[in-house]
Amino acid sequence: MAEEIIGEVSDFFAHPVVAGVELTAPLKLGDKIKIKGHTTDLELTVSHIQIEHNEVQQAKAGDSIGIKVPDRVRKGDKVYKITD
């Protein structure tokens, strides 16, 4: 499986558990991603994307998005898209 960097975590919210991400490449619902940092190593399938509190199907490079995550992530963690 190949991994390509598509963004960086810019913020984290505990309730609900959401990561703010600055995208450098497109992302859509159903994409598999990995969030990796010094103490973070998560893999998940994107099930929700929000831009300014509005649900969207996809986001493009340059967008600031919110995605639900299963656990804590940290500012500066890298976001990778997993491709087959």
PDB file of N, CA and C in Angstrom:
ATOM      1  N   MET A   1       0.833  -1.191   0.000  1.00  0.00           N
ATOM      2  CA  MET A   1       0.000   0.000   0.000  1.00  0.00           C
ATOM      3  C   MET A   1       0.873   1.248   0.000  1.00  0.00           C
ATOM      4  N   ALA A   2       0.526   2.183  -0.857  1.00  0.00           N
ATOM      5  CA  ALA A   2       1.269   3.438  -0.947  1.00  0.00           C
ATOM      6  C   ALA A   2       0.597   4.492  -0.083  1.00  0.00           C
ATOM      7  N   GLU A   3       1.398   5.406   0.413  1.00  0.00           N
ATOM      8  CA  GLU A   3       0.884   6.512   1.221  1.00  0.00           C
ATOM      9  C   GLU A   3       1.388   7.815   0.624  1.00  0.00           C
ATOM     10  N   GLU A   4       0.474   8.791   0.510  1.00  0.00           N
ATOM     11  CA  GLU A   4       0.841  10.103  -0.002  1.00  0.00           C
ATOM     12  C   GLU A   4       0.363  11.143   0.997  1.00  0.00           C
ATOM     13  N   ILE A   5       1.227  12.084   1.333  1.00  0.00           N
ATOM     14  CA  ILE A   5       0.852  13.105   2.313  1.00  0.00           C
ATOM     15  C   ILE A   5      -0.179  14.046   1.693  1.00  0.00           C
ATOM     16  N   ILE A   6      -1.281  14.268   2.425  1.00  0.00           N
ATOM     17  CA  ILE A   6      -2.351  15.120   1.893  1.00  0.00           C
ATOM     18  C   ILE A   6      -2.705  16.272   2.812  1.00  0.00           C
ATOM     19  N   GLY A   7      -2.022  16.381   3.945  1.00  0.00           N
ATOM     20  CA  GLY A   7      -2.333  17.486   4.837  1.00  0.00           C
ATOM     21  C   GLY A   7      -1.688  17.353   6.197  1.00  0.00           C
ATOM     22  N   GLU A   8      -2.082  18.283   7.076  1.00  0.00           N
ATOM     23  CA  GLU A   8      -1.520  18.339   8.422  1.00  0.00           C
ATOM     24  C   GLU A   8      -2.615  18.729   9.406  1.00  0.00           C
ATOM     25  N   VAL A   9      -2.573  18.114  10.590  1.00  0.00           N
ATOM     26  CA  VAL A   9      -3.542  18.448  11.639  1.00  0.00           C
ATOM     27  C   VAL A   9      -3.252  19.863  12.141  1.00  0.00           C
ATOM     28  N   SER A  10      -4.295  20.696  12.153  1.00  0.00           N
ATOM     29  CA  SER A  10      -4.145  22.079  12.614  1.00  0.00           C
ATOM     30  C   SER A  10      -4.810  22.301  13.971  1.00  0.00           C
ATOM     31  N   ASP A  11      -5.701  21.380  14.366  1.00  0.00           N
ATOM     32  CA  ASP A  11      -6.445  21.554  15.606  1.00  0.00           C
ATOM     33  C   ASP A  11      -7.038  20.216  16.032  1.00  0.00           C
ATOM     34  N   PHE A  12      -7.440  20.121  17.308  1.00  0.00           N
ATOM     35  CA  PHE A  12      -8.101  18.919  17.804  1.00  0.00           C
ATOM     36  C   PHE A  12      -9.191  19.337  18.776  1.00  0.00           C
ATOM     37  N   PHE A  13     -10.357  18.713  18.643  1.00  0.00           N
ATOM     38  CA  PHE A  13     -11.493  18.997  19.522  1.00  0.00           C
ATOM     39  C   PHE A  13     -11.917  17.687  20.188  1.00  0.00           C
ATOM     40  N   ALA A  14     -12.046  17.699  21.515  1.00  0.00           N
ATOM     41  CA  ALA A  14     -12.329  16.474  22.259  1.00  0.00           C
ATOM     42  C   ALA A  14     -13.808  16.092  22.232  1.00  0.00           C
ATOM     43  N   HIS A  15     -14.718  17.067  22.127  1.00  0.00           N
ATOM     44  CA  HIS A  15     -16.167  16.781  22.150  1.00  0.00           C
ATOM     45  C   HIS A  15     -16.867  17.546  21.050  1.00  0.00           C
ATOM     46  N   PRO A  16     -17.234  16.936  19.933  1.00  0.00           N
ATOM     47  CA  PRO A  16     -16.959  15.543  19.546  1.00  0.00           C
ATOM     48  C   PRO A  16     -15.487  15.390  19.162  1.00  0.00           C
ATOM     49  N   VAL A  17     -15.042  14.156  19.018  1.00  0.00           N
ATOM     50  CA  VAL A  17     -13.631  13.899  18.715  1.00  0.00           C
ATOM     51  C   VAL A  17     -13.398  14.180  17.230  1.00  0.00           C
ATOM     52  N   VAL A  18     -12.870  15.366  16.964  1.00  0.00           N
ATOM     53  CA  VAL A  18     -12.707  15.844  15.591  1.00  0.00           C
ATOM     54  C   VAL A  18     -11.314  16.444  15.423  1.00  0.00           C
ATOM     55  N   ALA A  19     -10.709  16.173  14.260  1.00  0.00           N
ATOM     56  CA  ALA A  19      -9.425  16.777  13.916  1.00  0.00           C
ATOM     57  C   ALA A  19      -9.659  17.858  12.873  1.00  0.00           C
ATOM     58  N   GLY A  20      -9.055  19.004  13.079  1.00  0.00           N
ATOM     59  CA  GLY A  20      -9.018  20.040  12.054  1.00  0.00           C
ATOM     60  C   GLY A  20      -7.815  19.763  11.175  1.00  0.00           C
ATOM     61  N   VAL A  21      -8.012  19.749   9.848  1.00  0.00           N
ATOM     62  CA  VAL A  21      -6.932  19.394   8.922  1.00  0.00           C
ATOM     63  C   VAL A  21      -6.839  20.445   7.823  1.00  0.00           C
ATOM     64  N   GLU A  22      -5.611  20.881   7.538  1.00  0.00           N
ATOM     65  CA  GLU A  22      -5.338  21.748   6.401  1.00  0.00           C
ATOM     66  C   GLU A  22      -4.899  20.829   5.261  1.00  0.00           C
ATOM     67  N   LEU A  23      -5.699  20.783   4.185  1.00  0.00           N
ATOM     68  CA  LEU A  23      -5.415  19.864   3.076  1.00  0.00           C
ATOM     69  C   LEU A  23      -4.437  20.454   2.064  1.00  0.00           C
ATOM     70  N   THR A  24      -3.553  19.593   1.550  1.00  0.00           N
ATOM     71  CA  THR A  24      -2.671  19.963   0.447  1.00  0.00           C
ATOM     72  C   THR A  24      -3.004  19.134  -0.800  1.00  0.00           C
ATOM     73  N   ALA A  25      -4.017  18.255  -0.687  1.00  0.00           N
ATOM     74  CA  ALA A  25      -4.479  17.411  -1.786  1.00  0.00           C
ATOM     75  C   ALA A  25      -5.948  17.075  -1.511  1.00  0.00           C
ATOM     76  N   PRO A  26      -6.697  16.658  -2.537  1.00  0.00           N
ATOM     77  CA  PRO A  26      -8.124  16.353  -2.335  1.00  0.00           C
ATOM     78  C   PRO A  26      -8.362  15.160  -1.415  1.00  0.00           C
ATOM     79  N   LEU A  27      -9.546  15.157  -0.788  1.00  0.00           N
ATOM     80  CA  LEU A  27      -9.975  14.070   0.084  1.00  0.00           C
ATOM     81  C   LEU A  27     -11.478  13.908  -0.074  1.00  0.00           C
ATOM     82  N   LYS A  28     -11.967  12.651  -0.100  1.00  0.00           N
ATOM     83  CA  LYS A  28     -13.410  12.431  -0.220  1.00  0.00           C
ATOM     84  C   LYS A  28     -13.861  11.349   0.759  1.00  0.00           C
ATOM     85  N   LEU A  29     -15.174  11.285   0.974  1.00  0.00           N
ATOM     86  CA  LEU A  29     -15.732  10.257   1.845  1.00  0.00           C
ATOM     87  C   LEU A  29     -15.327   8.883   1.334  1.00  0.00           C
ATOM     88  N   GLY A  30     -14.993   7.983   2.253  1.00  0.00           N
ATOM     89  CA  GLY A  30     -14.599   6.622   1.880  1.00  0.00           C
ATOM     90  C   GLY A  30     -13.109   6.439   1.694  1.00  0.00           C
ATOM     91  N   ASP A  31     -12.350   7.545   1.591  1.00  0.00           N
ATOM     92  CA  ASP A  31     -10.892   7.426   1.466  1.00  0.00           C
ATOM     93  C   ASP A  31     -10.313   6.860   2.758  1.00  0.00           C
ATOM     94  N   LYS A  32      -9.268   6.037   2.622  1.00  0.00           N
ATOM     95  CA  LYS A  32      -8.545   5.534   3.791  1.00  0.00           C
ATOM     96  C   LYS A  32      -7.378   6.479   4.049  1.00  0.00           C
ATOM     97  N   ILE A  33      -7.242   6.874   5.326  1.00  0.00           N
ATOM     98  CA  ILE A  33      -6.151   7.774   5.680  1.00  0.00           C
ATOM     99  C   ILE A  33      -5.400   7.259   6.895  1.00  0.00           C
ATOM    100  N   LYS A  34      -4.196   7.779   7.073  1.00  0.00           N
ATOM    101  CA  LYS A  34      -3.379   7.510   8.252  1.00  0.00           C
ATOM    102  C   LYS A  34      -2.975   8.865   8.814  1.00  0.00           C
ATOM    103  N   ILE A  35      -3.061   9.006  10.130  1.00  0.00           N
ATOM    104  CA  ILE A  35      -2.597  10.211  10.806  1.00  0.00           C
ATOM    105  C   ILE A  35      -1.422   9.785  11.668  1.00  0.00           C
ATOM    106  N   LYS A  36      -0.263  10.385  11.407  1.00  0.00           N
ATOM    107  CA  LYS A  36       0.966   9.936  12.072  1.00  0.00           C
ATOM    108  C   LYS A  36       1.731  11.126  12.629  1.00  0.00           C
ATOM    109  N   GLY A  37       2.214  10.955  13.850  1.00  0.00           N
ATOM    110  CA  GLY A  37       3.036  11.966  14.508  1.00  0.00           C
ATOM    111  C   GLY A  37       3.929  11.296  15.530  1.00  0.00           C
ATOM    112  N   HIS A  38       4.533  12.092  16.416  1.00  0.00           N
ATOM    113  CA  HIS A  38       5.452  11.538  17.424  1.00  0.00           C
ATOM    114  C   HIS A  38       4.778  10.484  18.290  1.00  0.00           C
ATOM    115  N   THR A  39       3.527  10.732  18.699  1.00  0.00           N
ATOM    116  CA  THR A  39       2.825   9.780  19.562  1.00  0.00           C
ATOM    117  C   THR A  39       1.498   9.329  18.954  1.00  0.00           C
ATOM    118  N   THR A  40       1.265   9.678  17.704  1.00  0.00           N
ATOM    119  CA  THR A  40       0.005   9.354  17.024  1.00  0.00           C
ATOM    120  C   THR A  40       0.273   8.359  15.904  1.00  0.00           C
ATOM    121  N   ASP A  41      -0.584   7.353  15.769  1.00  0.00           N
ATOM    122  CA  ASP A  41      -0.517   6.423  14.636  1.00  0.00           C
ATOM    123  C   ASP A  41      -1.901   5.806  14.463  1.00  0.00           C
ATOM    124  N   LEU A  42      -2.756   6.476  13.689  1.00  0.00           N
ATOM    125  CA  LEU A  42      -4.134   6.035  13.477  1.00  0.00           C
ATOM    126  C   LEU A  42      -4.378   5.741  12.008  1.00  0.00           C
ATOM    127  N   GLU A  43      -5.181   4.730  11.723  1.00  0.00           N
ATOM    128  CA  GLU A  43      -5.683   4.487  10.376  1.00  0.00           C
ATOM    129  C   GLU A  43      -7.193   4.486  10.454  1.00  0.00           C
ATOM    130  N   LEU A  44      -7.850   5.131   9.487  1.00  0.00           N
ATOM    131  CA  LEU A  44      -9.300   5.172   9.482  1.00  0.00           C
ATOM    132  C   LEU A  44      -9.831   5.410   8.080  1.00  0.00           C
ATOM    133  N   THR A  45     -11.111   5.101   7.900  1.00  0.00           N
ATOM    134  CA  THR A  45     -11.818   5.421   6.666  1.00  0.00           C
ATOM    135  C   THR A  45     -12.631   6.680   6.940  1.00  0.00           C
ATOM    136  N   VAL A  46     -12.505   7.666   6.072  1.00  0.00           N
ATOM    137  CA  VAL A  46     -13.176   8.954   6.272  1.00  0.00           C
ATOM    138  C   VAL A  46     -14.685   8.764   6.126  1.00  0.00           C
ATOM    139  N   SER A  47     -15.425   9.043   7.204  1.00  0.00           N
ATOM    140  CA  SER A  47     -16.877   8.877   7.174  1.00  0.00           C
ATOM    141  C   SER A  47     -17.616  10.206   7.262  1.00  0.00           C
ATOM    142  N   HIS A  48     -16.940  11.255   7.697  1.00  0.00           N
ATOM    143  CA  HIS A  48     -17.538  12.592   7.788  1.00  0.00           C
ATOM    144  C   HIS A  48     -16.492  13.636   7.429  1.00  0.00           C
ATOM    145  N   ILE A  49     -16.876  14.593   6.601  1.00  0.00           N
ATOM    146  CA  ILE A  49     -16.028  15.753   6.318  1.00  0.00           C
ATOM    147  C   ILE A  49     -16.900  16.980   6.496  1.00  0.00           C
ATOM    148  N   GLN A  50     -16.381  17.952   7.237  1.00  0.00           N
ATOM    149  CA  GLN A  50     -17.109  19.205   7.393  1.00  0.00           C
ATOM    150  C   GLN A  50     -16.214  20.378   6.999  1.00  0.00           C
ATOM    151  N   ILE A  51     -16.831  21.344   6.340  1.00  0.00           N
ATOM    152  CA  ILE A  51     -16.186  22.624   6.065  1.00  0.00           C
ATOM    153  C   ILE A  51     -17.097  23.683   6.672  1.00  0.00           C
ATOM    154  N   GLU A  52     -16.574  24.427   7.651  1.00  0.00           N
ATOM    155  CA  GLU A  52     -17.346  25.447   8.373  1.00  0.00           C
ATOM    156  C   GLU A  52     -18.701  24.902   8.852  1.00  0.00           C
ATOM    157  N   HIS A  53     -18.672  23.741   9.511  1.00  0.00           N
ATOM    158  CA  HIS A  53     -19.832  23.080  10.128  1.00  0.00           C
ATOM    159  C   HIS A  53     -20.855  22.550   9.125  1.00  0.00           C
ATOM    160  N   ASN A  54     -20.516  22.508   7.834  1.00  0.00           N
ATOM    161  CA  ASN A  54     -21.404  21.943   6.815  1.00  0.00           C
ATOM    162  C   ASN A  54     -20.823  20.623   6.328  1.00  0.00           C
ATOM    163  N   GLU A  55     -21.660  19.564   6.312  1.00  0.00           N
ATOM    164  CA  GLU A  55     -21.221  18.261   5.803  1.00  0.00           C
ATOM    165  C   GLU A  55     -20.984  18.363   4.302  1.00  0.00           C
ATOM    166  N   VAL A  56     -19.845  17.812   3.831  1.00  0.00           N
ATOM    167  CA  VAL A  56     -19.536  17.788   2.399  1.00  0.00           C
ATOM    168  C   VAL A  56     -19.093  16.382   2.011  1.00  0.00           C
ATOM    169  N   GLN A  57     -19.175  16.082   0.728  1.00  0.00           N
ATOM    170  CA  GLN A  57     -18.773  14.772   0.205  1.00  0.00           C
ATOM    171  C   GLN A  57     -17.269  14.710  -0.034  1.00  0.00           C
ATOM    172  N   GLN A  58     -16.684  15.862  -0.397  1.00  0.00           N
ATOM    173  CA  GLN A  58     -15.257  15.903  -0.707  1.00  0.00           C
ATOM    174  C   GLN A  58     -14.720  17.303  -0.455  1.00  0.00           C
ATOM    175  N   ALA A  59     -13.408  17.384  -0.345  1.00  0.00           N
ATOM    176  CA  ALA A  59     -12.743  18.659  -0.119  1.00  0.00           C
ATOM    177  C   ALA A  59     -11.515  18.707  -1.025  1.00  0.00           C
ATOM    178  N   LYS A  60     -11.066  19.917  -1.313  1.00  0.00           N
ATOM    179  CA  LYS A  60      -9.935  20.067  -2.236  1.00  0.00           C
ATOM    180  C   LYS A  60      -8.722  20.648  -1.518  1.00  0.00           C
ATOM    181  N   ALA A  61      -7.590  20.635  -2.204  1.00  0.00           N
ATOM    182  CA  ALA A  61      -6.367  21.214  -1.652  1.00  0.00           C
ATOM    183  C   ALA A  61      -6.628  22.660  -1.266  1.00  0.00           C
ATOM    184  N   GLY A  62      -6.138  23.045  -0.098  1.00  0.00           N
ATOM    185  CA  GLY A  62      -6.335  24.408   0.387  1.00  0.00           C
ATOM    186  C   GLY A  62      -7.503  24.543   1.350  1.00  0.00           C
ATOM    187  N   ASP A  63      -8.392  23.533   1.390  1.00  0.00           N
ATOM    188  CA  ASP A  63      -9.543  23.578   2.302  1.00  0.00           C
ATOM    189  C   ASP A  63      -9.098  23.281   3.738  1.00  0.00           C
ATOM    190  N   SER A  64      -9.763  23.925   4.683  1.00  0.00           N
ATOM    191  CA  SER A  64      -9.625  23.593   6.104  1.00  0.00           C
ATOM    192  C   SER A  64     -10.849  22.774   6.467  1.00  0.00           C
ATOM    193  N   ILE A  65     -10.639  21.523   6.871  1.00  0.00           N
ATOM    194  CA  ILE A  65     -11.760  20.613   7.108  1.00  0.00           C
ATOM    195  C   ILE A  65     -11.739  20.074   8.529  1.00  0.00           C
ATOM    196  N   GLY A  66     -12.866  19.511   8.933  1.00  0.00           N
ATOM    197  CA  GLY A  66     -12.972  18.757  10.165  1.00  0.00           C
ATOM    198  C   GLY A  66     -13.339  17.334   9.826  1.00  0.00           C
ATOM    199  N   ILE A  67     -12.652  16.355  10.423  1.00  0.00           N
ATOM    200  CA  ILE A  67     -12.997  14.948  10.230  1.00  0.00           C
ATOM    201  C   ILE A  67     -13.079  14.273  11.589  1.00  0.00           C
ATOM    202  N   LYS A  68     -14.037  13.350  11.716  1.00  0.00           N
ATOM    203  CA  LYS A  68     -14.152  12.575  12.959  1.00  0.00           C
ATOM    204  C   LYS A  68     -12.999  11.591  13.031  1.00  0.00           C
ATOM    205  N   VAL A  69     -12.404  11.481  14.221  1.00  0.00           N
ATOM    206  CA  VAL A  69     -11.293  10.556  14.433  1.00  0.00           C
ATOM    207  C   VAL A  69     -11.591   9.701  15.665  1.00  0.00           C
ATOM    208  N   PRO A  70     -11.037   8.477  15.726  1.00  0.00           N
ATOM    209  CA  PRO A  70     -11.344   7.587  16.846  1.00  0.00           C
ATOM    210  C   PRO A  70     -10.564   7.887  18.124  1.00  0.00           C
ATOM    211  N   ASP A  71      -9.541   8.711  18.028  1.00  0.00           N
ATOM    212  CA  ASP A  71      -8.695   8.957  19.191  1.00  0.00           C
ATOM    213  C   ASP A  71      -8.031  10.325  19.040  1.00  0.00           C
ATOM    214  N   ARG A  72      -7.326  10.747  20.087  1.00  0.00           N
ATOM    215  CA  ARG A  72      -6.668  12.054  20.097  1.00  0.00           C
ATOM    216  C   ARG A  72      -5.594  12.149  19.008  1.00  0.00           C
ATOM    217  N   VAL A  73      -5.542  13.287  18.341  1.00  0.00           N
ATOM    218  CA  VAL A  73      -4.455  13.607  17.418  1.00  0.00           C
ATOM    219  C   VAL A  73      -3.873  14.942  17.866  1.00  0.00           C
ATOM    220  N   ARG A  74      -2.718  15.281  17.333  1.00  0.00           N
ATOM    221  CA  ARG A  74      -2.036  16.485  17.792  1.00  0.00           C
ATOM    222  C   ARG A  74      -1.696  17.414  16.636  1.00  0.00           C
ATOM    223  N   LYS A  75      -1.666  18.699  16.939  1.00  0.00           N
ATOM    224  CA  LYS A  75      -1.299  19.698  15.944  1.00  0.00           C
ATOM    225  C   LYS A  75       0.068  19.348  15.369  1.00  0.00           C
ATOM    226  N   GLY A  76       0.160  19.386  14.051  1.00  0.00           N
ATOM    227  CA  GLY A  76       1.423  19.061  13.379  1.00  0.00           C
ATOM    228  C   GLY A  76       1.516  17.628  12.895  1.00  0.00           C
ATOM    229  N   ASP A  77       0.597  16.738  13.371  1.00  0.00           N
ATOM    230  CA  ASP A  77       0.570  15.368  12.851  1.00  0.00           C
ATOM    231  C   ASP A  77       0.319  15.405  11.353  1.00  0.00           C
ATOM    232  N   LYS A  78       0.982  14.532  10.611  1.00  0.00           N
ATOM    233  CA  LYS A  78       0.813  14.467   9.157  1.00  0.00           C
ATOM    234  C   LYS A  78      -0.354  13.540   8.811  1.00  0.00           C
ATOM    235  N   VAL A  79      -1.084  13.907   7.750  1.00  0.00           N
ATOM    236  CA  VAL A  79      -2.216  13.113   7.279  1.00  0.00           C
ATOM    237  C   VAL A  79      -1.834  12.519   5.917  1.00  0.00           C
ATOM    238  N   TYR A  80      -1.934  11.203   5.806  1.00  0.00           N
ATOM    239  CA  TYR A  80      -1.574  10.491   4.587  1.00  0.00           C
ATOM    240  C   TYR A  80      -2.794   9.802   4.022  1.00  0.00           C
ATOM    241  N   LYS A  81      -2.909   9.805   2.693  1.00  0.00           N
ATOM    242  CA  LYS A  81      -3.951   9.020   2.012  1.00  0.00           C
ATOM    243  C   LYS A  81      -3.325   7.686   1.644  1.00  0.00           C
ATOM    244  N   ILE A  82      -4.030   6.592   1.974  1.00  0.00           N
ATOM    245  CA  ILE A  82      -3.542   5.248   1.667  1.00  0.00           C
ATOM    246  C   ILE A  82      -4.159   4.805   0.347  1.00  0.00           C
ATOM    247  N   THR A  83      -3.302   4.456  -0.591  1.00  0.00           N
ATOM    248  CA  THR A  83      -3.770   3.993  -1.909  1.00  0.00           C
ATOM    249  C   THR A  83      -3.238   2.588  -2.155  1.00  0.00           C
ATOM    250  N   ASP A  84      -3.972   1.817  -2.929  1.00  0.00           N
ATOM    251  CA  ASP A  84      -3.568   0.439  -3.218  1.00  0.00           C
ATOM    252  C   ASP A  84      -2.486   0.391  -4.269  1.00  0.00           C
TER     253      ASP A  84
END
